[in-house]
Protein backbone atom coordinates (compact mmCIF):
# COMPACT_ATOMS: atom_id res chain seq x y z
CA UNK A 1 0.00 0.00 0.00
CA UNK A 2 2.97 2.35 0.49
CA UNK A 3 3.64 2.12 -3.24
CA UNK A 4 0.02 2.83 -4.07
CA UNK A 5 0.04 5.94 -1.89
CA UNK A 6 3.28 7.13 -3.48
CA UNK A 7 1.85 6.57 -6.98
CA UNK A 8 -1.41 8.35 -6.10
CA UNK A 9 0.56 11.28 -4.75
CA UNK A 10 2.58 11.42 -7.98
CA UNK A 11 -0.50 11.03 -10.16
CA UNK A 12 -2.39 13.68 -8.22
CA UNK A 13 0.32 16.23 -8.98
CA UNK A 14 -0.95 16.48 -12.55
CA UNK A 15 -3.07 19.28 -13.84
CA UNK A 16 -5.10 20.01 -16.90
CA UNK A 17 -7.69 17.87 -18.60
CA UNK A 18 -7.90 14.28 -17.45
CA UNK A 19 -8.21 13.15 -21.08
CA UNK A 20 -5.05 14.92 -22.26
CA UNK A 21 -2.81 14.14 -19.34
CA UNK A 22 0.78 15.28 -18.84
CA UNK A 23 3.32 12.73 -20.01
CA UNK A 24 4.69 12.22 -16.48
CA UNK A 25 1.39 10.56 -15.54
CA UNK A 26 2.02 7.68 -17.93
CA UNK A 27 4.19 5.64 -15.56
CA UNK A 28 2.10 5.89 -12.38
CA UNK A 29 -1.07 5.53 -14.44
CA UNK A 30 0.16 2.28 -15.96
CA UNK A 31 1.05 0.90 -12.52
CA UNK A 32 -2.14 2.13 -10.82
CA UNK A 33 -4.21 0.49 -13.53
CA UNK A 34 -3.22 -2.89 -12.14
CA UNK A 35 -3.69 -2.44 -8.40
CA UNK A 36 -6.40 -1.54 -5.89
CA UNK A 37 -6.35 2.06 -4.74
CA UNK A 38 -8.30 2.00 -1.47
CA UNK A 39 -6.20 2.71 1.61
CA UNK A 40 -7.45 4.01 4.95
CA UNK A 41 -4.26 6.09 5.35
CA UNK A 42 -4.97 8.09 2.20
CA UNK A 43 -4.88 11.87 2.54
CA UNK A 44 -6.22 14.71 0.39
CA UNK A 45 -3.27 14.50 -2.02
CA UNK A 46 -3.90 10.79 -2.53
CA UNK A 47 -7.59 11.45 -3.14
CA UNK A 48 -6.54 13.93 -5.83
CA UNK A 49 -4.55 11.21 -7.56
CA UNK A 50 -7.29 8.61 -7.15
CA UNK A 51 -9.92 10.87 -8.67
CA UNK A 52 -7.67 11.91 -11.53
CA UNK A 53 -6.77 8.29 -12.20
CA UNK A 54 -10.26 6.78 -11.90
CA UNK A 55 -12.12 9.33 -14.01
CA UNK A 56 -9.52 9.78 -16.73
CA UNK A 57 -9.80 8.33 -20.20
CA UNK A 58 -9.21 4.54 -20.25
CA UNK A 59 -7.02 4.55 -17.14
CA UNK A 60 -7.64 0.97 -16.04
CA UNK A 61 -8.11 -2.22 -18.05
CA UNK A 62 -11.48 -2.75 -16.34
CA UNK A 63 -12.24 0.84 -15.43
CA UNK A 64 -16.03 0.63 -15.35
CA UNK A 65 -16.00 -2.51 -13.20
CA UNK A 66 -13.33 -1.13 -10.87
CA UNK A 67 -15.21 2.11 -10.32
CA UNK A 68 -18.46 0.20 -9.74
CA UNK A 69 -16.74 -1.89 -7.05
CA UNK A 70 -15.48 1.08 -5.03
CA UNK A 71 -16.78 0.98 -1.46
CA UNK A 72 -19.49 3.61 -1.08
CA UNK A 73 -17.61 5.62 1.59
CA UNK A 74 -14.55 5.85 -0.69
CA UNK A 75 -16.67 6.77 -3.70
CA UNK A 76 -18.38 9.53 -1.68
CA UNK A 77 -15.05 10.84 -0.38
CA UNK A 78 -13.51 10.96 -3.86
CA UNK A 79 -16.59 12.65 -5.31
CA UNK A 80 -16.53 15.25 -2.52
CA UNK A 81 -12.85 15.92 -3.29
CA UNK A 82 -13.63 16.42 -6.98
CA UNK A 83 -16.52 18.77 -6.23
CA UNK A 84 -14.31 21.10 -4.19
CA UNK A 85 -11.14 20.89 -6.31
CA UNK A 86 -11.93 23.82 -8.64
CA UNK A 87 -11.12 21.85 -11.82
CA UNK A 88 -14.25 21.80 -13.97
CA UNK A 89 -13.04 18.92 -16.16
CA UNK A 90 -12.37 16.74 -13.13
CA UNK A 91 -15.70 17.73 -11.58
CA UNK A 92 -17.71 16.80 -14.67
CA UNK A 93 -15.90 13.48 -15.09
CA UNK A 94 -16.22 12.64 -11.39
CA UNK A 95 -19.95 13.33 -11.43
CA UNK A 96 -20.29 10.98 -14.40
CA UNK A 97 -18.11 8.20 -12.97
CA UNK A 98 -18.54 8.54 -9.21
CA UNK A 99 -21.87 10.30 -8.80
CA UNK A 100 -25.22 8.68 -8.13
CA UNK A 101 -26.70 6.80 -11.08
CA UNK A 102 -28.75 8.97 -13.41
CA UNK A 103 -32.36 8.03 -14.09
PDB file of N, CA and C in Angstrom:
ATOM      1  N   UNK A   1       0.819  -1.197   0.000  1.00  0.00           N
ATOM      2  CA  UNK A   1       0.000   0.000   0.000  1.00  0.00           C
ATOM      3  C   UNK A   1       0.865   1.264   0.000  1.00  0.00           C
ATOM      4  N   UNK A   2       2.073   1.173   0.523  1.00  0.00           N
ATOM      5  CA  UNK A   2       2.968   2.345   0.489  1.00  0.00           C
ATOM      6  C   UNK A   2       3.219   2.772  -0.951  1.00  0.00           C
ATOM      7  N   UNK A   3       3.404   1.797  -1.825  1.00  0.00           N
ATOM      8  CA  UNK A   3       3.639   2.116  -3.239  1.00  0.00           C
ATOM      9  C   UNK A   3       2.419   2.764  -3.863  1.00  0.00           C
ATOM     10  N   UNK A   4       1.248   2.252  -3.532  1.00  0.00           N
ATOM     11  CA  UNK A   4       0.016   2.830  -4.075  1.00  0.00           C
ATOM     12  C   UNK A   4      -0.107   4.284  -3.639  1.00  0.00           C
ATOM     13  N   UNK A   5       0.135   4.563  -2.368  1.00  0.00           N
ATOM     14  CA  UNK A   5       0.040   5.940  -1.888  1.00  0.00           C
ATOM     15  C   UNK A   5       1.058   6.837  -2.584  1.00  0.00           C
ATOM     16  N   UNK A   6       2.259   6.332  -2.785  1.00  0.00           N
ATOM     17  CA  UNK A   6       3.283   7.127  -3.483  1.00  0.00           C
ATOM     18  C   UNK A   6       2.856   7.390  -4.928  1.00  0.00           C
ATOM     19  N   UNK A   7       2.299   6.390  -5.592  1.00  0.00           N
ATOM     20  CA  UNK A   7       1.848   6.569  -6.978  1.00  0.00           C
ATOM     21  C   UNK A   7       0.667   7.541  -7.059  1.00  0.00           C
ATOM     22  N   UNK A   8      -0.271   7.425  -6.114  1.00  0.00           N
ATOM     23  CA  UNK A   8      -1.410   8.347  -6.105  1.00  0.00           C
ATOM     24  C   UNK A   8      -0.954   9.777  -5.870  1.00  0.00           C
ATOM     25  N   UNK A   9       0.009   9.954  -4.996  1.00  0.00           N
ATOM     26  CA  UNK A   9       0.559  11.280  -4.748  1.00  0.00           C
ATOM     27  C   UNK A   9       1.185  11.840  -6.024  1.00  0.00           C
ATOM     28  N   UNK A  10       1.948  11.026  -6.715  1.00  0.00           N
ATOM     29  CA  UNK A  10       2.583  11.422  -7.976  1.00  0.00           C
ATOM     30  C   UNK A  10       1.522  11.739  -9.019  1.00  0.00           C
ATOM     31  N   UNK A  11       0.556  10.853  -9.157  1.00  0.00           N
ATOM     32  CA  UNK A  11      -0.495  11.027 -10.162  1.00  0.00           C
ATOM     33  C   UNK A  11      -1.330  12.275  -9.872  1.00  0.00           C
ATOM     34  N   UNK A  12      -1.589  12.530  -8.611  1.00  0.00           N
ATOM     35  CA  UNK A  12      -2.392  13.685  -8.223  1.00  0.00           C
ATOM     36  C   UNK A  12      -1.694  15.015  -8.409  1.00  0.00           C
ATOM     37  N   UNK A  13      -0.416  14.998  -8.734  1.00  0.00           N
ATOM     38  CA  UNK A  13       0.321  16.231  -8.982  1.00  0.00           C
ATOM     39  C   UNK A  13       0.045  16.799 -10.365  1.00  0.00           C
ATOM     40  N   UNK A  14      -0.633  16.036 -11.198  1.00  0.00           N
ATOM     41  CA  UNK A  14      -0.947  16.478 -12.550  1.00  0.00           C
ATOM     42  C   UNK A  14      -1.993  17.570 -12.566  1.00  0.00           C
ATOM     43  N   UNK A  15      -2.059  18.243 -13.675  1.00  0.00           N
ATOM     44  CA  UNK A  15      -3.071  19.282 -13.842  1.00  0.00           C
ATOM     45  C   UNK A  15      -3.533  19.249 -15.294  1.00  0.00           C
ATOM     46  N   UNK A  16      -4.566  19.982 -15.546  1.00  0.00           N
ATOM     47  CA  UNK A  16      -5.101  20.007 -16.898  1.00  0.00           C
ATOM     48  C   UNK A  16      -6.139  18.918 -17.094  1.00  0.00           C
ATOM     49  N   UNK A  17      -6.629  18.819 -18.294  1.00  0.00           N
ATOM     50  CA  UNK A  17      -7.692  17.874 -18.604  1.00  0.00           C
ATOM     51  C   UNK A  17      -7.257  16.441 -18.311  1.00  0.00           C
ATOM     52  N   UNK A  18      -8.183  15.672 -17.766  1.00  0.00           N
ATOM     53  CA  UNK A  18      -7.896  14.277 -17.453  1.00  0.00           C
ATOM     54  C   UNK A  18      -7.750  13.440 -18.724  1.00  0.00           C
ATOM     55  N   UNK A  19      -8.301  13.912 -19.831  1.00  0.00           N
ATOM     56  CA  UNK A  19      -8.212  13.152 -21.078  1.00  0.00           C
ATOM     57  C   UNK A  19      -6.930  13.449 -21.838  1.00  0.00           C
ATOM     58  N   UNK A  20      -6.304  14.565 -21.605  1.00  0.00           N
ATOM     59  CA  UNK A  20      -5.054  14.920 -22.257  1.00  0.00           C
ATOM     60  C   UNK A  20      -4.004  15.120 -21.193  1.00  0.00           C
ATOM     61  N   UNK A  21      -3.649  14.056 -20.527  1.00  0.00           N
ATOM     62  CA  UNK A  21      -2.809  14.137 -19.338  1.00  0.00           C
ATOM     63  C   UNK A  21      -1.353  14.468 -19.656  1.00  0.00           C
ATOM     64  N   UNK A  22      -0.652  15.040 -18.675  1.00  0.00           N
ATOM     65  CA  UNK A  22       0.778  15.279 -18.836  1.00  0.00           C
ATOM     66  C   UNK A  22       1.527  13.952 -18.975  1.00  0.00           C
ATOM     67  N   UNK A  23       2.582  13.950 -19.729  1.00  0.00           N
ATOM     68  CA  UNK A  23       3.319  12.726 -20.014  1.00  0.00           C
ATOM     69  C   UNK A  23       3.850  12.060 -18.747  1.00  0.00           C
ATOM     70  N   UNK A  24       4.151  12.842 -17.699  1.00  0.00           N
ATOM     71  CA  UNK A  24       4.692  12.217 -16.481  1.00  0.00           C
ATOM     72  C   UNK A  24       3.666  11.345 -15.763  1.00  0.00           C
ATOM     73  N   UNK A  25       2.395  11.413 -16.152  1.00  0.00           N
ATOM     74  CA  UNK A  25       1.392  10.559 -15.537  1.00  0.00           C
ATOM     75  C   UNK A  25       1.347   9.170 -16.162  1.00  0.00           C
ATOM     76  N   UNK A  26       2.050   8.965 -17.256  1.00  0.00           N
ATOM     77  CA  UNK A  26       2.025   7.676 -17.930  1.00  0.00           C
ATOM     78  C   UNK A  26       2.509   6.531 -17.068  1.00  0.00           C
ATOM     79  N   UNK A  27       3.619   6.717 -16.370  1.00  0.00           N
ATOM     80  CA  UNK A  27       4.192   5.642 -15.555  1.00  0.00           C
ATOM     81  C   UNK A  27       3.307   5.312 -14.358  1.00  0.00           C
ATOM     82  N   UNK A  28       2.955   6.282 -13.509  1.00  0.00           N
ATOM     83  CA  UNK A  28       2.105   5.892 -12.376  1.00  0.00           C
ATOM     84  C   UNK A  28       0.736   5.411 -12.835  1.00  0.00           C
ATOM     85  N   UNK A  29       0.223   5.963 -13.933  1.00  0.00           N
ATOM     86  CA  UNK A  29      -1.073   5.525 -14.440  1.00  0.00           C
ATOM     87  C   UNK A  29      -1.054   4.073 -14.856  1.00  0.00           C
ATOM     88  N   UNK A  30       0.008   3.678 -15.531  1.00  0.00           N
ATOM     89  CA  UNK A  30       0.157   2.281 -15.956  1.00  0.00           C
ATOM     90  C   UNK A  30       0.203   1.348 -14.745  1.00  0.00           C
ATOM     91  N   UNK A  31       0.937   1.729 -13.719  1.00  0.00           N
ATOM     92  CA  UNK A  31       1.047   0.902 -12.517  1.00  0.00           C
ATOM     93  C   UNK A  31      -0.251   0.897 -11.714  1.00  0.00           C
ATOM     94  N   UNK A  32      -0.889   2.058 -11.575  1.00  0.00           N
ATOM     95  CA  UNK A  32      -2.136   2.135 -10.816  1.00  0.00           C
ATOM     96  C   UNK A  32      -3.253   1.346 -11.492  1.00  0.00           C
ATOM     97  N   UNK A  33      -3.182   1.224 -12.800  1.00  0.00           N
ATOM     98  CA  UNK A  33      -4.210   0.491 -13.530  1.00  0.00           C
ATOM     99  C   UNK A  33      -4.274  -0.980 -13.170  1.00  0.00           C
ATOM    100  N   UNK A  34      -3.290  -1.466 -12.472  1.00  0.00           N
ATOM    101  CA  UNK A  34      -3.222  -2.893 -12.145  1.00  0.00           C
ATOM    102  C   UNK A  34      -3.363  -3.196 -10.651  1.00  0.00           C
ATOM    103  N   UNK A  35      -3.634  -2.185  -9.841  1.00  0.00           N
ATOM    104  CA  UNK A  35      -3.688  -2.436  -8.403  1.00  0.00           C
ATOM    105  C   UNK A  35      -4.866  -1.705  -7.761  1.00  0.00           C
ATOM    106  N   UNK A  36      -5.318  -2.224  -6.615  1.00  0.00           N
ATOM    107  CA  UNK A  36      -6.401  -1.539  -5.892  1.00  0.00           C
ATOM    108  C   UNK A  36      -5.894  -0.218  -5.320  1.00  0.00           C
ATOM    109  N   UNK A  37      -6.787   0.747  -5.201  1.00  0.00           N
ATOM    110  CA  UNK A  37      -6.346   2.065  -4.735  1.00  0.00           C
ATOM    111  C   UNK A  37      -6.854   2.437  -3.351  1.00  0.00           C
ATOM    112  N   UNK A  38      -7.734   1.652  -2.779  1.00  0.00           N
ATOM    113  CA  UNK A  38      -8.303   2.005  -1.474  1.00  0.00           C
ATOM    114  C   UNK A  38      -7.269   1.798  -0.368  1.00  0.00           C
ATOM    115  N   UNK A  39      -7.102   2.793   0.463  1.00  0.00           N
ATOM    116  CA  UNK A  39      -6.196   2.705   1.607  1.00  0.00           C
ATOM    117  C   UNK A  39      -6.706   3.651   2.675  1.00  0.00           C
ATOM    118  N   UNK A  40      -6.921   3.147   3.890  1.00  0.00           N
ATOM    119  CA  UNK A  40      -7.454   4.013   4.949  1.00  0.00           C
ATOM    120  C   UNK A  40      -6.508   5.142   5.353  1.00  0.00           C
ATOM    121  N   UNK A  41      -5.226   5.049   4.985  1.00  0.00           N
ATOM    122  CA  UNK A  41      -4.265   6.091   5.350  1.00  0.00           C
ATOM    123  C   UNK A  41      -4.219   7.217   4.319  1.00  0.00           C
ATOM    124  N   UNK A  42      -5.008   7.102   3.284  1.00  0.00           N
ATOM    125  CA  UNK A  42      -4.974   8.094   2.203  1.00  0.00           C
ATOM    126  C   UNK A  42      -5.334   9.483   2.730  1.00  0.00           C
ATOM    127  N   UNK A  43      -4.651  10.474   2.184  1.00  0.00           N
ATOM    128  CA  UNK A  43      -4.881  11.874   2.545  1.00  0.00           C
ATOM    129  C   UNK A  43      -5.430  12.603   1.325  1.00  0.00           C
ATOM    130  N   UNK A  44      -5.669  13.879   1.466  1.00  0.00           N
ATOM    131  CA  UNK A  44      -6.225  14.708   0.391  1.00  0.00           C
ATOM    132  C   UNK A  44      -5.419  14.578  -0.904  1.00  0.00           C
ATOM    133  N   UNK A  45      -4.111  14.588  -0.813  1.00  0.00           N
ATOM    134  CA  UNK A  45      -3.272  14.503  -2.020  1.00  0.00           C
ATOM    135  C   UNK A  45      -3.427  13.160  -2.720  1.00  0.00           C
ATOM    136  N   UNK A  46      -3.676  12.099  -1.943  1.00  0.00           N
ATOM    137  CA  UNK A  46      -3.905  10.787  -2.528  1.00  0.00           C
ATOM    138  C   UNK A  46      -5.282  10.738  -3.189  1.00  0.00           C
ATOM    139  N   UNK A  47      -6.259  11.375  -2.540  1.00  0.00           N
ATOM    140  CA  UNK A  47      -7.590  11.453  -3.145  1.00  0.00           C
ATOM    141  C   UNK A  47      -7.526  12.170  -4.489  1.00  0.00           C
ATOM    142  N   UNK A  48      -6.703  13.204  -4.565  1.00  0.00           N
ATOM    143  CA  UNK A  48      -6.545  13.935  -5.830  1.00  0.00           C
ATOM    144  C   UNK A  48      -6.042  12.997  -6.923  1.00  0.00           C
ATOM    145  N   UNK A  49      -5.075  12.159  -6.586  1.00  0.00           N
ATOM    146  CA  UNK A  49      -4.552  11.207  -7.555  1.00  0.00           C
ATOM    147  C   UNK A  49      -5.555  10.129  -7.904  1.00  0.00           C
ATOM    148  N   UNK A  50      -6.291   9.648  -6.902  1.00  0.00           N
ATOM    149  CA  UNK A  50      -7.287   8.605  -7.148  1.00  0.00           C
ATOM    150  C   UNK A  50      -8.388   9.107  -8.069  1.00  0.00           C
ATOM    151  N   UNK A  51      -8.872  10.315  -7.813  1.00  0.00           N
ATOM    152  CA  UNK A  51      -9.921  10.874  -8.673  1.00  0.00           C
ATOM    153  C   UNK A  51      -9.390  11.041 -10.085  1.00  0.00           C
ATOM    154  N   UNK A  52      -8.251  11.663 -10.205  1.00  0.00           N
ATOM    155  CA  UNK A  52      -7.673  11.905 -11.533  1.00  0.00           C
ATOM    156  C   UNK A  52      -7.473  10.593 -12.287  1.00  0.00           C
ATOM    157  N   UNK A  53      -7.003   9.589 -11.575  1.00  0.00           N
ATOM    158  CA  UNK A  53      -6.774   8.287 -12.202  1.00  0.00           C
ATOM    159  C   UNK A  53      -8.094   7.607 -12.580  1.00  0.00           C
ATOM    160  N   UNK A  54      -9.035   7.540 -11.662  1.00  0.00           N
ATOM    161  CA  UNK A  54     -10.260   6.781 -11.900  1.00  0.00           C
ATOM    162  C   UNK A  54     -11.184   7.389 -12.944  1.00  0.00           C
ATOM    163  N   UNK A  55     -11.174   8.705 -13.078  1.00  0.00           N
ATOM    164  CA  UNK A  55     -12.122   9.329 -14.008  1.00  0.00           C
ATOM    165  C   UNK A  55     -11.488   9.716 -15.333  1.00  0.00           C
ATOM    166  N   UNK A  56     -10.203   9.469 -15.484  1.00  0.00           N
ATOM    167  CA  UNK A  56      -9.520   9.778 -16.730  1.00  0.00           C
ATOM    168  C   UNK A  56      -9.941   8.837 -17.850  1.00  0.00           C
ATOM    169  N   UNK A  57      -9.428   9.091 -19.020  1.00  0.00           N
ATOM    170  CA  UNK A  57      -9.796   8.327 -20.201  1.00  0.00           C
ATOM    171  C   UNK A  57      -9.041   7.008 -20.249  1.00  0.00           C
ATOM    172  N   UNK A  58      -9.776   5.892 -20.148  1.00  0.00           N
ATOM    173  CA  UNK A  58      -9.211   4.540 -20.245  1.00  0.00           C
ATOM    174  C   UNK A  58      -7.981   4.352 -19.360  1.00  0.00           C
ATOM    175  N   UNK A  59      -8.158   4.617 -18.060  1.00  0.00           N
ATOM    176  CA  UNK A  59      -7.019   4.550 -17.143  1.00  0.00           C
ATOM    177  C   UNK A  59      -6.776   3.168 -16.559  1.00  0.00           C
ATOM    178  N   UNK A  60      -7.778   2.314 -16.610  1.00  0.00           N
ATOM    179  CA  UNK A  60      -7.636   0.969 -16.044  1.00  0.00           C
ATOM    180  C   UNK A  60      -8.172  -0.034 -17.052  1.00  0.00           C
ATOM    181  N   UNK A  61      -7.605  -1.227 -17.093  1.00  0.00           N
ATOM    182  CA  UNK A  61      -8.107  -2.218 -18.048  1.00  0.00           C
ATOM    183  C   UNK A  61      -9.596  -2.522 -17.864  1.00  0.00           C
ATOM    184  N   UNK A  62     -10.064  -2.491 -16.635  1.00  0.00           N
ATOM    185  CA  UNK A  62     -11.484  -2.752 -16.341  1.00  0.00           C
ATOM    186  C   UNK A  62     -12.054  -1.571 -15.556  1.00  0.00           C
ATOM    187  N   UNK A  63     -11.904  -0.406 -16.120  1.00  0.00           N
ATOM    188  CA  UNK A  63     -12.237   0.836 -15.432  1.00  0.00           C
ATOM    189  C   UNK A  63     -13.680   0.861 -14.918  1.00  0.00           C
ATOM    190  N   UNK A  64     -14.628   0.556 -15.765  1.00  0.00           N
ATOM    191  CA  UNK A  64     -16.035   0.628 -15.354  1.00  0.00           C
ATOM    192  C   UNK A  64     -16.311  -0.321 -14.185  1.00  0.00           C
ATOM    193  N   UNK A  65     -15.808  -1.536 -14.274  1.00  0.00           N
ATOM    194  CA  UNK A  65     -16.003  -2.507 -13.199  1.00  0.00           C
ATOM    195  C   UNK A  65     -15.318  -2.053 -11.921  1.00  0.00           C
ATOM    196  N   UNK A  66     -14.088  -1.569 -12.045  1.00  0.00           N
ATOM    197  CA  UNK A  66     -13.334  -1.134 -10.874  1.00  0.00           C
ATOM    198  C   UNK A  66     -14.024   0.027 -10.163  1.00  0.00           C
ATOM    199  N   UNK A  67     -14.517   0.971 -10.921  1.00  0.00           N
ATOM    200  CA  UNK A  67     -15.212   2.112 -10.317  1.00  0.00           C
ATOM    201  C   UNK A  67     -16.503   1.632  -9.656  1.00  0.00           C
ATOM    202  N   UNK A  68     -17.214   0.725 -10.303  1.00  0.00           N
ATOM    203  CA  UNK A  68     -18.462   0.203  -9.737  1.00  0.00           C
ATOM    204  C   UNK A  68     -18.226  -0.544  -8.428  1.00  0.00           C
ATOM    205  N   UNK A  69     -17.053  -1.109  -8.255  1.00  0.00           N
ATOM    206  CA  UNK A  69     -16.741  -1.886  -7.046  1.00  0.00           C
ATOM    207  C   UNK A  69     -16.168  -1.049  -5.908  1.00  0.00           C
ATOM    208  N   UNK A  70     -16.004   0.241  -6.110  1.00  0.00           N
ATOM    209  CA  UNK A  70     -15.485   1.080  -5.027  1.00  0.00           C
ATOM    210  C   UNK A  70     -16.430   1.028  -3.833  1.00  0.00           C
ATOM    211  N   UNK A  71     -15.907   0.900  -2.634  1.00  0.00           N
ATOM    212  CA  UNK A  71     -16.779   0.977  -1.455  1.00  0.00           C
ATOM    213  C   UNK A  71     -17.468   2.347  -1.435  1.00  0.00           C
ATOM    214  N   UNK A  72     -18.709   2.366  -1.047  1.00  0.00           N
ATOM    215  CA  UNK A  72     -19.489   3.614  -1.080  1.00  0.00           C
ATOM    216  C   UNK A  72     -18.825   4.748  -0.301  1.00  0.00           C
ATOM    217  N   UNK A  73     -18.257   4.507   0.891  1.00  0.00           N
ATOM    218  CA  UNK A  73     -17.606   5.619   1.594  1.00  0.00           C
ATOM    219  C   UNK A  73     -16.433   6.217   0.798  1.00  0.00           C
ATOM    220  N   UNK A  74     -15.661   5.360   0.125  1.00  0.00           N
ATOM    221  CA  UNK A  74     -14.547   5.850  -0.686  1.00  0.00           C
ATOM    222  C   UNK A  74     -15.071   6.616  -1.895  1.00  0.00           C
ATOM    223  N   UNK A  75     -16.083   6.092  -2.545  1.00  0.00           N
ATOM    224  CA  UNK A  75     -16.671   6.766  -3.699  1.00  0.00           C
ATOM    225  C   UNK A  75     -17.167   8.160  -3.294  1.00  0.00           C
ATOM    226  N   UNK A  76     -17.867   8.247  -2.159  1.00  0.00           N
ATOM    227  CA  UNK A  76     -18.382   9.535  -1.681  1.00  0.00           C
ATOM    228  C   UNK A  76     -17.244  10.499  -1.352  1.00  0.00           C
ATOM    229  N   UNK A  77     -16.193   9.989  -0.726  1.00  0.00           N
ATOM    230  CA  UNK A  77     -15.045  10.841  -0.377  1.00  0.00           C
ATOM    231  C   UNK A  77     -14.354  11.379  -1.624  1.00  0.00           C
ATOM    232  N   UNK A  78     -14.166  10.536  -2.624  1.00  0.00           N
ATOM    233  CA  UNK A  78     -13.515  10.964  -3.865  1.00  0.00           C
ATOM    234  C   UNK A  78     -14.390  11.954  -4.623  1.00  0.00           C
ATOM    235  N   UNK A  79     -15.690  11.720  -4.646  1.00  0.00           N
ATOM    236  CA  UNK A  79     -16.593  12.652  -5.315  1.00  0.00           C
ATOM    237  C   UNK A  79     -16.586  14.002  -4.601  1.00  0.00           C
ATOM    238  N   UNK A  80     -16.583  13.988  -3.277  1.00  0.00           N
ATOM    239  CA  UNK A  80     -16.526  15.247  -2.519  1.00  0.00           C
ATOM    240  C   UNK A  80     -15.235  15.994  -2.826  1.00  0.00           C
ATOM    241  N   UNK A  81     -14.122  15.273  -2.932  1.00  0.00           N
ATOM    242  CA  UNK A  81     -12.853  15.917  -3.294  1.00  0.00           C
ATOM    243  C   UNK A  81     -12.976  16.592  -4.657  1.00  0.00           C
ATOM    244  N   UNK A  82     -13.507  15.869  -5.622  1.00  0.00           N
ATOM    245  CA  UNK A  82     -13.635  16.419  -6.984  1.00  0.00           C
ATOM    246  C   UNK A  82     -14.523  17.656  -7.004  1.00  0.00           C
ATOM    247  N   UNK A  83     -15.577  17.646  -6.237  1.00  0.00           N
ATOM    248  CA  UNK A  83     -16.519  18.770  -6.225  1.00  0.00           C
ATOM    249  C   UNK A  83     -15.877  20.039  -5.676  1.00  0.00           C
ATOM    250  N   UNK A  84     -14.920  19.900  -4.776  1.00  0.00           N
ATOM    251  CA  UNK A  84     -14.311  21.095  -4.193  1.00  0.00           C
ATOM    252  C   UNK A  84     -12.947  21.443  -4.792  1.00  0.00           C
ATOM    253  N   UNK A  85     -12.496  20.711  -5.797  1.00  0.00           N
ATOM    254  CA  UNK A  85     -11.139  20.893  -6.313  1.00  0.00           C
ATOM    255  C   UNK A  85     -10.966  22.126  -7.209  1.00  0.00           C
ATOM    256  N   UNK A  86     -12.046  22.640  -7.792  1.00  0.00           N
ATOM    257  CA  UNK A  86     -11.932  23.820  -8.645  1.00  0.00           C
ATOM    258  C   UNK A  86     -11.581  23.512 -10.090  1.00  0.00           C
ATOM    259  N   UNK A  87     -11.456  22.259 -10.447  1.00  0.00           N
ATOM    260  CA  UNK A  87     -11.124  21.850 -11.816  1.00  0.00           C
ATOM    261  C   UNK A  87     -12.405  21.355 -12.474  1.00  0.00           C
ATOM    262  N   UNK A  88     -12.948  22.135 -13.394  1.00  0.00           N
ATOM    263  CA  UNK A  88     -14.251  21.797 -13.972  1.00  0.00           C
ATOM    264  C   UNK A  88     -14.227  20.485 -14.751  1.00  0.00           C
ATOM    265  N   UNK A  89     -13.134  20.185 -15.426  1.00  0.00           N
ATOM    266  CA  UNK A  89     -13.042  18.918 -16.165  1.00  0.00           C
ATOM    267  C   UNK A  89     -13.117  17.743 -15.196  1.00  0.00           C
ATOM    268  N   UNK A  90     -12.360  17.813 -14.117  1.00  0.00           N
ATOM    269  CA  UNK A  90     -12.366  16.735 -13.127  1.00  0.00           C
ATOM    270  C   UNK A  90     -13.741  16.619 -12.471  1.00  0.00           C
ATOM    271  N   UNK A  91     -14.378  17.755 -12.209  1.00  0.00           N
ATOM    272  CA  UNK A  91     -15.700  17.731 -11.580  1.00  0.00           C
ATOM    273  C   UNK A  91     -16.728  17.044 -12.474  1.00  0.00           C
ATOM    274  N   UNK A  92     -16.751  17.395 -13.745  1.00  0.00           N
ATOM    275  CA  UNK A  92     -17.713  16.800 -14.674  1.00  0.00           C
ATOM    276  C   UNK A  92     -17.470  15.296 -14.797  1.00  0.00           C
ATOM    277  N   UNK A  93     -16.227  14.911 -14.957  1.00  0.00           N
ATOM    278  CA  UNK A  93     -15.897  13.484 -15.088  1.00  0.00           C
ATOM    279  C   UNK A  93     -16.228  12.725 -13.806  1.00  0.00           C
ATOM    280  N   UNK A  94     -15.942  13.310 -12.658  1.00  0.00           N
ATOM    281  CA  UNK A  94     -16.224  12.641 -11.386  1.00  0.00           C
ATOM    282  C   UNK A  94     -17.725  12.466 -11.176  1.00  0.00           C
ATOM    283  N   UNK A  95     -18.499  13.466 -11.552  1.00  0.00           N
ATOM    284  CA  UNK A  95     -19.950  13.327 -11.430  1.00  0.00           C
ATOM    285  C   UNK A  95     -20.447  12.163 -12.287  1.00  0.00           C
ATOM    286  N   UNK A  96     -19.889  12.038 -13.482  1.00  0.00           N
ATOM    287  CA  UNK A  96     -20.291  10.976 -14.400  1.00  0.00           C
ATOM    288  C   UNK A  96     -19.868   9.601 -13.872  1.00  0.00           C
ATOM    289  N   UNK A  97     -18.636   9.489 -13.392  1.00  0.00           N
ATOM    290  CA  UNK A  97     -18.113   8.198 -12.971  1.00  0.00           C
ATOM    291  C   UNK A  97     -18.444   7.822 -11.521  1.00  0.00           C
ATOM    292  N   UNK A  98     -18.425   8.818 -10.630  1.00  0.00           N
ATOM    293  CA  UNK A  98     -18.543   8.541  -9.206  1.00  0.00           C
ATOM    294  C   UNK A  98     -19.877   8.960  -8.599  1.00  0.00           C
ATOM    295  N   UNK A  99     -20.619   9.787  -9.318  1.00  0.00           N
ATOM    296  CA  UNK A  99     -21.871  10.299  -8.796  1.00  0.00           C
ATOM    297  C   UNK A  99     -22.966   9.247  -8.770  1.00  0.00           C
ATOM    298  N   UNK A 100     -24.097   9.610  -8.175  1.00  0.00           N
ATOM    299  CA  UNK A 100     -25.215   8.684  -8.131  1.00  0.00           C
ATOM    300  C   UNK A 100     -25.702   8.369  -9.543  1.00  0.00           C
ATOM    301  N   UNK A 101     -26.211   7.171  -9.740  1.00  0.00           N
ATOM    302  CA  UNK A 101     -26.701   6.804 -11.079  1.00  0.00           C
ATOM    303  C   UNK A 101     -27.795   7.761 -11.548  1.00  0.00           C
ATOM    304  N   UNK A 102     -27.731   8.073 -12.826  1.00  0.00           N
ATOM    305  CA  UNK A 102     -28.746   8.966 -13.412  1.00  0.00           C
ATOM    306  C   UNK A 102     -29.946   8.143 -13.855  1.00  0.00           C
ATOM    307  N   UNK A 103     -31.108   8.724 -13.694  1.00  0.00           N
ATOM    308  CA  UNK A 103     -32.356   8.027 -14.089  1.00  0.00           C
ATOM    309  C   UNK A 103     -32.578   8.105 -15.564  1.00  0.00           C
TER     310      UNK A 103
END
